[in-house]
């Protein structure tokens, strides 16, 4: 009976200039990592940072108070807010 081994890794192919590749290889070597392990760790850390900055809202104390007050209000969304929601759904929340 044949068994199938599922690969738990996805392939990522990138093209870089030779001098960039050389710097990356050198940094990987200095770090004691393979080129793949180095690239994956750096790309993963960078992606986490970008996503965290995108998803985190940083508010001043005044802005936070305004935001919380608005959340407590029982008003219906205006046209601008409805339009913003549609734009968000179209661009961000795919």
PDB file of N, CA and C in Angstrom:
ATOM      1  N   UNK A   1       0.847  -1.175   0.000  1.00  0.00           N
ATOM      2  CA  UNK A   1       0.000   0.000   0.000  1.00  0.00           C
ATOM      3  C   UNK A   1       0.892   1.238   0.000  1.00  0.00           C
ATOM      4  N   UNK A   2       0.621   2.153  -0.894  1.00  0.00           N
ATOM      5  CA  UNK A   2       1.434   3.358  -1.024  1.00  0.00           C
ATOM      6  C   UNK A   2       1.007   4.386   0.015  1.00  0.00           C
ATOM      7  N   UNK A   3       1.981   5.106   0.539  1.00  0.00           N
ATOM      8  CA  UNK A   3       1.668   6.179   1.472  1.00  0.00           C
ATOM      9  C   UNK A   3       2.075   7.504   0.853  1.00  0.00           C
ATOM     10  N   UNK A   4       1.354   8.520   1.197  1.00  0.00           N
ATOM     11  CA  UNK A   4       1.640   9.856   0.684  1.00  0.00           C
ATOM     12  C   UNK A   4       2.200  10.700   1.817  1.00  0.00           C
ATOM     13  N   UNK A   5       3.315  11.333   1.557  1.00  0.00           N
ATOM     14  CA  UNK A   5       3.906  12.230   2.538  1.00  0.00           C
ATOM     15  C   UNK A   5       3.493  13.651   2.173  1.00  0.00           C
ATOM     16  N   UNK A   6       2.835  14.303   3.096  1.00  0.00           N
ATOM     17  CA  UNK A   6       2.407  15.677   2.855  1.00  0.00           C
ATOM     18  C   UNK A   6       3.533  16.629   3.238  1.00  0.00           C
ATOM     19  N   UNK A   7       3.898  17.495   2.322  1.00  0.00           N
ATOM     20  CA  UNK A   7       4.934  18.487   2.586  1.00  0.00           C
ATOM     21  C   UNK A   7       4.323  19.618   3.401  1.00  0.00           C
ATOM     22  N   UNK A   8       4.891  19.886   4.556  1.00  0.00           N
ATOM     23  CA  UNK A   8       4.359  20.929   5.430  1.00  0.00           C
ATOM     24  C   UNK A   8       5.037  22.268   5.185  1.00  0.00           C
ATOM     25  N   UNK A   9       5.684  22.400   4.057  1.00  0.00           N
ATOM     26  CA  UNK A   9       6.363  23.639   3.707  1.00  0.00           C
ATOM     27  C   UNK A   9       5.850  24.135   2.361  1.00  0.00           C
ATOM     28  N   UNK A  10       5.804  25.436   2.215  1.00  0.00           N
ATOM     29  CA  UNK A  10       5.443  26.045   0.936  1.00  0.00           C
ATOM     30  C   UNK A  10       6.696  26.667   0.343  1.00  0.00           C
ATOM     31  N   UNK A  11       6.779  26.676  -0.948  1.00  0.00           N
ATOM     32  CA  UNK A  11       7.954  27.218  -1.626  1.00  0.00           C
ATOM     33  C   UNK A  11       7.753  28.709  -1.873  1.00  0.00           C
ATOM     34  N   UNK A  12       8.836  29.457  -1.697  1.00  0.00           N
ATOM     35  CA  UNK A  12       8.851  30.886  -1.971  1.00  0.00           C
ATOM     36  C   UNK A  12      10.074  31.167  -2.826  1.00  0.00           C
ATOM     37  N   UNK A  13       9.840  31.563  -4.058  1.00  0.00           N
ATOM     38  CA  UNK A  13      10.952  31.879  -4.963  1.00  0.00           C
ATOM     39  C   UNK A  13      11.078  33.385  -5.092  1.00  0.00           C
ATOM     40  N   UNK A  14      12.290  33.888  -4.908  1.00  0.00           N
ATOM     41  CA  UNK A  14      12.526  35.321  -5.072  1.00  0.00           C
ATOM     42  C   UNK A  14      13.771  35.529  -5.921  1.00  0.00           C
ATOM     43  N   UNK A  15      13.818  36.668  -6.573  1.00  0.00           N
ATOM     44  CA  UNK A  15      14.996  37.030  -7.369  1.00  0.00           C
ATOM     45  C   UNK A  15      15.591  38.296  -6.769  1.00  0.00           C
ATOM     46  N   UNK A  16      16.908  38.263  -6.589  1.00  0.00           N
ATOM     47  CA  UNK A  16      17.616  39.430  -6.063  1.00  0.00           C
ATOM     48  C   UNK A  16      18.883  39.642  -6.875  1.00  0.00           C
ATOM     49  N   UNK A  17      19.406  40.850  -6.800  1.00  0.00           N
ATOM     50  CA  UNK A  17      20.671  41.137  -7.474  1.00  0.00           C
ATOM     51  C   UNK A  17      21.781  40.319  -6.807  1.00  0.00           C
ATOM     52  N   UNK A  18      22.806  39.963  -7.559  1.00  0.00           N
ATOM     53  CA  UNK A  18      23.890  39.141  -7.003  1.00  0.00           C
ATOM     54  C   UNK A  18      24.522  39.732  -5.743  1.00  0.00           C
ATOM     55  N   UNK A  19      24.694  41.056  -5.696  1.00  0.00           N
ATOM     56  CA  UNK A  19      25.316  41.650  -4.508  1.00  0.00           C
ATOM     57  C   UNK A  19      24.413  41.543  -3.281  1.00  0.00           C
ATOM     58  N   UNK A  20      23.105  41.599  -3.495  1.00  0.00           N
ATOM     59  CA  UNK A  20      22.166  41.429  -2.389  1.00  0.00           C
ATOM     60  C   UNK A  20      22.231  39.992  -1.890  1.00  0.00           C
ATOM     61  N   UNK A  21      22.248  39.052  -2.815  1.00  0.00           N
ATOM     62  CA  UNK A  21      22.344  37.640  -2.429  1.00  0.00           C
ATOM     63  C   UNK A  21      23.625  37.392  -1.641  1.00  0.00           C
ATOM     64  N   UNK A  22      24.716  37.998  -2.085  1.00  0.00           N
ATOM     65  CA  UNK A  22      25.983  37.828  -1.381  1.00  0.00           C
ATOM     66  C   UNK A  22      25.923  38.334   0.053  1.00  0.00           C
ATOM     67  N   UNK A  23      25.305  39.501   0.255  1.00  0.00           N
ATOM     68  CA  UNK A  23      25.167  40.049   1.610  1.00  0.00           C
ATOM     69  C   UNK A  23      24.301  39.152   2.477  1.00  0.00           C
ATOM     70  N   UNK A  24      23.228  38.650   1.891  1.00  0.00           N
ATOM     71  CA  UNK A  24      22.330  37.771   2.647  1.00  0.00           C
ATOM     72  C   UNK A  24      23.054  36.485   3.027  1.00  0.00           C
ATOM     73  N   UNK A  25      23.783  35.909   2.083  1.00  0.00           N
ATOM     74  CA  UNK A  25      24.536  34.684   2.374  1.00  0.00           C
ATOM     75  C   UNK A  25      25.573  34.928   3.468  1.00  0.00           C
ATOM     76  N   UNK A  26      26.244  36.064   3.397  1.00  0.00           N
ATOM     77  CA  UNK A  26      27.258  36.395   4.408  1.00  0.00           C
ATOM     78  C   UNK A  26      26.611  36.540   5.786  1.00  0.00           C
ATOM     79  N   UNK A  27      25.494  37.255   5.845  1.00  0.00           N
ATOM     80  CA  UNK A  27      24.792  37.436   7.117  1.00  0.00           C
ATOM     81  C   UNK A  27      24.305  36.099   7.670  1.00  0.00           C
ATOM     82  N   UNK A  28      23.808  35.238   6.793  1.00  0.00           N
ATOM     83  CA  UNK A  28      23.357  33.913   7.229  1.00  0.00           C
ATOM     84  C   UNK A  28      24.524  33.129   7.811  1.00  0.00           C
ATOM     85  N   UNK A  29      25.660  33.173   7.131  1.00  0.00           N
ATOM     86  CA  UNK A  29      26.852  32.454   7.595  1.00  0.00           C
ATOM     87  C   UNK A  29      27.296  32.976   8.965  1.00  0.00           C
ATOM     88  N   UNK A  30      27.351  34.302   9.116  1.00  0.00           N
ATOM     89  CA  UNK A  30      27.748  34.907  10.388  1.00  0.00           C
ATOM     90  C   UNK A  30      26.777  34.514  11.498  1.00  0.00           C
ATOM     91  N   UNK A  31      25.499  34.383  11.148  1.00  0.00           N
ATOM     92  CA  UNK A  31      24.469  34.010  12.123  1.00  0.00           C
ATOM     93  C   UNK A  31      24.477  32.526  12.442  1.00  0.00           C
ATOM     94  N   UNK A  32      25.261  31.762  11.671  1.00  0.00           N
ATOM     95  CA  UNK A  32      25.299  30.317  11.894  1.00  0.00           C
ATOM     96  C   UNK A  32      24.057  29.607  11.400  1.00  0.00           C
ATOM     97  N   UNK A  33      23.381  30.207  10.429  1.00  0.00           N
ATOM     98  CA  UNK A  33      22.154  29.623   9.893  1.00  0.00           C
ATOM     99  C   UNK A  33      22.338  29.304   8.420  1.00  0.00           C
ATOM    100  N   UNK A  34      21.510  28.393   7.939  1.00  0.00           N
ATOM    101  CA  UNK A  34      21.483  28.158   6.500  1.00  0.00           C
ATOM    102  C   UNK A  34      20.828  29.370   5.852  1.00  0.00           C
ATOM    103  N   UNK A  35      21.032  29.508   4.561  1.00  0.00           N
ATOM    104  CA  UNK A  35      20.420  30.625   3.843  1.00  0.00           C
ATOM    105  C   UNK A  35      18.903  30.579   3.994  1.00  0.00           C
ATOM    106  N   UNK A  36      18.330  29.398   3.871  1.00  0.00           N
ATOM    107  CA  UNK A  36      16.877  29.252   4.001  1.00  0.00           C
ATOM    108  C   UNK A  36      16.409  29.633   5.396  1.00  0.00           C
ATOM    109  N   UNK A  37      17.060  29.087   6.432  1.00  0.00           N
ATOM    110  CA  UNK A  37      16.650  29.397   7.806  1.00  0.00           C
ATOM    111  C   UNK A  37      16.784  30.886   8.108  1.00  0.00           C
ATOM    112  N   UNK A  38      17.864  31.488   7.625  1.00  0.00           N
ATOM    113  CA  UNK A  38      18.078  32.920   7.843  1.00  0.00           C
ATOM    114  C   UNK A  38      16.979  33.730   7.160  1.00  0.00           C
ATOM    115  N   UNK A  39      16.729  33.429   5.897  1.00  0.00           N
ATOM    116  CA  UNK A  39      15.719  34.172   5.138  1.00  0.00           C
ATOM    117  C   UNK A  39      14.340  34.016   5.764  1.00  0.00           C
ATOM    118  N   UNK A  40      13.991  32.802   6.153  1.00  0.00           N
ATOM    119  CA  UNK A  40      12.680  32.566   6.748  1.00  0.00           C
ATOM    120  C   UNK A  40      12.543  33.337   8.058  1.00  0.00           C
ATOM    121  N   UNK A  41      13.573  33.319   8.900  1.00  0.00           N
ATOM    122  CA  UNK A  41      13.465  34.012  10.189  1.00  0.00           C
ATOM    123  C   UNK A  41      13.353  35.520   9.994  1.00  0.00           C
ATOM    124  N   UNK A  42      14.154  36.085   9.097  1.00  0.00           N
ATOM    125  CA  UNK A  42      14.115  37.529   8.870  1.00  0.00           C
ATOM    126  C   UNK A  42      12.793  37.947   8.222  1.00  0.00           C
ATOM    127  N   UNK A  43      12.361  37.208   7.208  1.00  0.00           N
ATOM    128  CA  UNK A  43      11.095  37.541   6.546  1.00  0.00           C
ATOM    129  C   UNK A  43       9.916  37.405   7.501  1.00  0.00           C
ATOM    130  N   UNK A  44       9.936  36.366   8.329  1.00  0.00           N
ATOM    131  CA  UNK A  44       8.855  36.147   9.277  1.00  0.00           C
ATOM    132  C   UNK A  44       8.799  37.267  10.314  1.00  0.00           C
ATOM    133  N   UNK A  45       9.963  37.657  10.856  1.00  0.00           N
ATOM    134  CA  UNK A  45      10.007  38.755  11.824  1.00  0.00           C
ATOM    135  C   UNK A  45       9.508  40.055  11.196  1.00  0.00           C
ATOM    136  N   UNK A  46       9.933  40.316   9.977  1.00  0.00           N
ATOM    137  CA  UNK A  46       9.518  41.536   9.293  1.00  0.00           C
ATOM    138  C   UNK A  46       8.013  41.525   9.031  1.00  0.00           C
ATOM    139  N   UNK A  47       7.494  40.395   8.590  1.00  0.00           N
ATOM    140  CA  UNK A  47       6.057  40.277   8.329  1.00  0.00           C
ATOM    141  C   UNK A  47       5.258  40.488   9.610  1.00  0.00           C
ATOM    142  N   UNK A  48       5.725  39.899  10.713  1.00  0.00           N
ATOM    143  CA  UNK A  48       5.036  40.080  11.993  1.00  0.00           C
ATOM    144  C   UNK A  48       4.987  41.552  12.383  1.00  0.00           C
ATOM    145  N   UNK A  49       6.099  42.259  12.187  1.00  0.00           N
ATOM    146  CA  UNK A  49       6.149  43.683  12.521  1.00  0.00           C
ATOM    147  C   UNK A  49       5.190  44.505  11.684  1.00  0.00           C
ATOM    148  N   UNK A  50       5.160  44.236  10.388  1.00  0.00           N
ATOM    149  CA  UNK A  50       4.254  44.964   9.489  1.00  0.00           C
ATOM    150  C   UNK A  50       2.807  44.706   9.886  1.00  0.00           C
ATOM    151  N   UNK A  51       2.471  43.445  10.125  1.00  0.00           N
ATOM    152  CA  UNK A  51       1.096  43.105  10.494  1.00  0.00           C
ATOM    153  C   UNK A  51       0.714  43.712  11.840  1.00  0.00           C
ATOM    154  N   UNK A  52       1.631  43.693  12.781  1.00  0.00           N
ATOM    155  CA  UNK A  52       1.347  44.273  14.095  1.00  0.00           C
ATOM    156  C   UNK A  52       1.088  45.771  13.986  1.00  0.00           C
ATOM    157  N   UNK A  53       1.922  46.467  13.219  1.00  0.00           N
ATOM    158  CA  UNK A  53       1.722  47.909  13.052  1.00  0.00           C
ATOM    159  C   UNK A  53       0.410  48.197  12.323  1.00  0.00           C
ATOM    160  N   UNK A  54       0.060  47.340  11.377  1.00  0.00           N
ATOM    161  CA  UNK A  54      -1.177  47.540  10.617  1.00  0.00           C
ATOM    162  C   UNK A  54      -2.403  47.321  11.498  1.00  0.00           C
ATOM    163  N   UNK A  55      -2.331  46.325  12.365  1.00  0.00           N
ATOM    164  CA  UNK A  55      -3.499  45.934  13.146  1.00  0.00           C
ATOM    165  C   UNK A  55      -3.632  46.692  14.464  1.00  0.00           C
ATOM    166  N   UNK A  56      -2.562  47.312  14.921  1.00  0.00           N
ATOM    167  CA  UNK A  56      -2.601  48.007  16.208  1.00  0.00           C
ATOM    168  C   UNK A  56      -3.008  49.464  16.013  1.00  0.00           C
ATOM    169  N   UNK A  57      -3.886  49.909  16.858  1.00  0.00           N
ATOM    170  CA  UNK A  57      -4.291  51.316  16.831  1.00  0.00           C
ATOM    171  C   UNK A  57      -3.621  52.011  18.007  1.00  0.00           C
ATOM    172  N   UNK A  58      -2.917  53.079  17.722  1.00  0.00           N
ATOM    173  CA  UNK A  58      -2.258  53.842  18.779  1.00  0.00           C
ATOM    174  C   UNK A  58      -2.992  55.171  18.917  1.00  0.00           C
ATOM    175  N   UNK A  59      -3.558  55.371  20.091  1.00  0.00           N
ATOM    176  CA  UNK A  59      -4.336  56.577  20.331  1.00  0.00           C
ATOM    177  C   UNK A  59      -3.736  57.376  21.482  1.00  0.00           C
ATOM    178  N   UNK A  60      -3.834  58.682  21.367  1.00  0.00           N
ATOM    179  CA  UNK A  60      -3.461  59.543  22.491  1.00  0.00           C
ATOM    180  C   UNK A  60      -4.562  59.420  23.542  1.00  0.00           C
ATOM    181  N   UNK A  61      -4.311  59.934  24.722  1.00  0.00           N
ATOM    182  CA  UNK A  61      -5.331  59.884  25.785  1.00  0.00           C
ATOM    183  C   UNK A  61      -6.613  60.575  25.348  1.00  0.00           C
ATOM    184  N   UNK A  62      -6.474  61.725  24.699  1.00  0.00           N
ATOM    185  CA  UNK A  62      -7.644  62.471  24.223  1.00  0.00           C
ATOM    186  C   UNK A  62      -8.401  61.671  23.173  1.00  0.00           C
ATOM    187  N   UNK A  63      -7.664  61.114  22.207  1.00  0.00           N
ATOM    188  CA  UNK A  63      -8.305  60.314  21.159  1.00  0.00           C
ATOM    189  C   UNK A  63      -8.999  59.094  21.746  1.00  0.00           C
ATOM    190  N   UNK A  64      -8.371  58.474  22.746  1.00  0.00           N
ATOM    191  CA  UNK A  64      -8.973  57.297  23.378  1.00  0.00           C
ATOM    192  C   UNK A  64     -10.293  57.670  24.043  1.00  0.00           C
ATOM    193  N   UNK A  65     -10.307  58.804  24.745  1.00  0.00           N
ATOM    194  CA  UNK A  65     -11.534  59.252  25.409  1.00  0.00           C
ATOM    195  C   UNK A  65     -12.638  59.531  24.392  1.00  0.00           C
ATOM    196  N   UNK A  66     -12.289  60.184  23.299  1.00  0.00           N
ATOM    197  CA  UNK A  66     -13.265  60.463  22.237  1.00  0.00           C
ATOM    198  C   UNK A  66     -13.783  59.156  21.655  1.00  0.00           C
ATOM    199  N   UNK A  67     -12.878  58.228  21.374  1.00  0.00           N
ATOM    200  CA  UNK A  67     -13.255  56.935  20.801  1.00  0.00           C
ATOM    201  C   UNK A  67     -14.219  56.196  21.733  1.00  0.00           C
ATOM    202  N   UNK A  68     -13.899  56.138  23.014  1.00  0.00           N
ATOM    203  CA  UNK A  68     -14.763  55.434  23.962  1.00  0.00           C
ATOM    204  C   UNK A  68     -16.118  56.120  24.101  1.00  0.00           C
ATOM    205  N   UNK A  69     -16.127  57.451  24.067  1.00  0.00           N
ATOM    206  CA  UNK A  69     -17.393  58.192  24.155  1.00  0.00           C
ATOM    207  C   UNK A  69     -18.271  57.887  22.937  1.00  0.00           C
ATOM    208  N   UNK A  70     -17.657  57.860  21.762  1.00  0.00           N
ATOM    209  CA  UNK A  70     -18.406  57.567  20.534  1.00  0.00           C
ATOM    210  C   UNK A  70     -18.964  56.146  20.575  1.00  0.00           C
ATOM    211  N   UNK A  71     -18.187  55.207  21.115  1.00  0.00           N
ATOM    212  CA  UNK A  71     -18.681  53.829  21.223  1.00  0.00           C
ATOM    213  C   UNK A  71     -19.914  53.742  22.115  1.00  0.00           C
ATOM    214  N   UNK A  72     -19.967  54.584  23.129  1.00  0.00           N
ATOM    215  CA  UNK A  72     -21.105  54.568  24.051  1.00  0.00           C
ATOM    216  C   UNK A  72     -22.351  55.227  23.472  1.00  0.00           C
ATOM    217  N   UNK A  73     -22.199  56.065  22.457  1.00  0.00           N
ATOM    218  CA  UNK A  73     -23.341  56.746  21.853  1.00  0.00           C
ATOM    219  C   UNK A  73     -24.183  55.752  21.054  1.00  0.00           C
ATOM    220  N   UNK A  74     -25.461  56.004  21.002  1.00  0.00           N
ATOM    221  CA  UNK A  74     -26.385  55.109  20.296  1.00  0.00           C
ATOM    222  C   UNK A  74     -26.844  55.705  18.966  1.00  0.00           C
ATOM    223  N   UNK A  75     -25.982  56.398  18.271  1.00  0.00           N
ATOM    224  CA  UNK A  75     -26.362  57.009  16.998  1.00  0.00           C
ATOM    225  C   UNK A  75     -26.104  56.039  15.852  1.00  0.00           C
ATOM    226  N   UNK A  76     -26.826  56.246  14.762  1.00  0.00           N
ATOM    227  CA  UNK A  76     -26.633  55.414  13.572  1.00  0.00           C
ATOM    228  C   UNK A  76     -25.473  55.968  12.758  1.00  0.00           C
ATOM    229  N   UNK A  77     -24.790  55.112  11.997  1.00  0.00           N
ATOM    230  CA  UNK A  77     -23.666  55.585  11.180  1.00  0.00           C
ATOM    231  C   UNK A  77     -24.138  56.551  10.092  1.00  0.00           C
ATOM    232  N   UNK A  78     -23.329  57.595   9.849  1.00  0.00           N
ATOM    233  CA  UNK A  78     -23.665  58.550   8.795  1.00  0.00           C
ATOM    234  C   UNK A  78     -23.179  58.017   7.437  1.00  0.00           C
ATOM    235  N   UNK A  79     -23.454  58.766   6.381  1.00  0.00           N
ATOM    236  CA  UNK A  79     -23.099  58.315   5.026  1.00  0.00           C
ATOM    237  C   UNK A  79     -21.590  58.135   4.862  1.00  0.00           C
ATOM    238  N   UNK A  80     -20.812  59.032   5.466  1.00  0.00           N
ATOM    239  CA  UNK A  80     -19.354  58.923   5.359  1.00  0.00           C
ATOM    240  C   UNK A  80     -18.857  57.624   5.975  1.00  0.00           C
ATOM    241  N   UNK A  81     -19.394  57.272   7.122  1.00  0.00           N
ATOM    242  CA  UNK A  81     -18.983  56.046   7.797  1.00  0.00           C
ATOM    243  C   UNK A  81     -19.412  54.815   7.004  1.00  0.00           C
ATOM    244  N   UNK A  82     -20.607  54.841   6.450  1.00  0.00           N
ATOM    245  CA  UNK A  82     -21.065  53.719   5.632  1.00  0.00           C
ATOM    246  C   UNK A  82     -20.188  53.553   4.397  1.00  0.00           C
ATOM    247  N   UNK A  83     -19.811  54.679   3.781  1.00  0.00           N
ATOM    248  CA  UNK A  83     -18.928  54.632   2.617  1.00  0.00           C
ATOM    249  C   UNK A  83     -17.556  54.084   3.014  1.00  0.00           C
ATOM    250  N   UNK A  84     -17.048  54.506   4.171  1.00  0.00           N
ATOM    251  CA  UNK A  84     -15.751  54.021   4.657  1.00  0.00           C
ATOM    252  C   UNK A  84     -15.797  52.517   4.901  1.00  0.00           C
ATOM    253  N   UNK A  85     -16.923  52.022   5.428  1.00  0.00           N
ATOM    254  CA  UNK A  85     -17.059  50.586   5.667  1.00  0.00           C
ATOM    255  C   UNK A  85     -17.026  49.811   4.352  1.00  0.00           C
ATOM    256  N   UNK A  86     -17.710  50.320   3.339  1.00  0.00           N
ATOM    257  CA  UNK A  86     -17.694  49.665   2.026  1.00  0.00           C
ATOM    258  C   UNK A  86     -16.288  49.649   1.447  1.00  0.00           C
ATOM    259  N   UNK A  87     -15.587  50.782   1.567  1.00  0.00           N
ATOM    260  CA  UNK A  87     -14.215  50.868   1.061  1.00  0.00           C
ATOM    261  C   UNK A  87     -13.319  49.885   1.797  1.00  0.00           C
ATOM    262  N   UNK A  88     -13.464  49.805   3.105  1.00  0.00           N
ATOM    263  CA  UNK A  88     -12.659  48.870   3.904  1.00  0.00           C
ATOM    264  C   UNK A  88     -12.915  47.433   3.470  1.00  0.00           C
ATOM    265  N   UNK A  89     -14.172  47.081   3.294  1.00  0.00           N
ATOM    266  CA  UNK A  89     -14.499  45.722   2.866  1.00  0.00           C
ATOM    267  C   UNK A  89     -13.906  45.414   1.501  1.00  0.00           C
ATOM    268  N   UNK A  90     -13.943  46.406   0.614  1.00  0.00           N
ATOM    269  CA  UNK A  90     -13.441  46.197  -0.745  1.00  0.00           C
ATOM    270  C   UNK A  90     -11.920  46.070  -0.767  1.00  0.00           C
ATOM    271  N   UNK A  91     -11.225  46.873   0.029  1.00  0.00           N
ATOM    272  CA  UNK A  91      -9.765  46.928  -0.046  1.00  0.00           C
ATOM    273  C   UNK A  91      -9.082  46.033   0.983  1.00  0.00           C
ATOM    274  N   UNK A  92      -9.527  46.062   2.210  1.00  0.00           N
ATOM    275  CA  UNK A  92      -8.822  45.402   3.306  1.00  0.00           C
ATOM    276  C   UNK A  92      -9.396  44.030   3.639  1.00  0.00           C
ATOM    277  N   UNK A  93     -10.665  43.948   3.849  1.00  0.00           N
ATOM    278  CA  UNK A  93     -11.287  42.734   4.381  1.00  0.00           C
ATOM    279  C   UNK A  93     -11.734  41.786   3.281  1.00  0.00           C
ATOM    280  N   UNK A  94     -10.804  41.398   2.429  1.00  0.00           N
ATOM    281  CA  UNK A  94     -11.152  40.499   1.320  1.00  0.00           C
ATOM    282  C   UNK A  94     -11.331  39.090   1.806  1.00  0.00           C
TER     283      UNK A  94
END
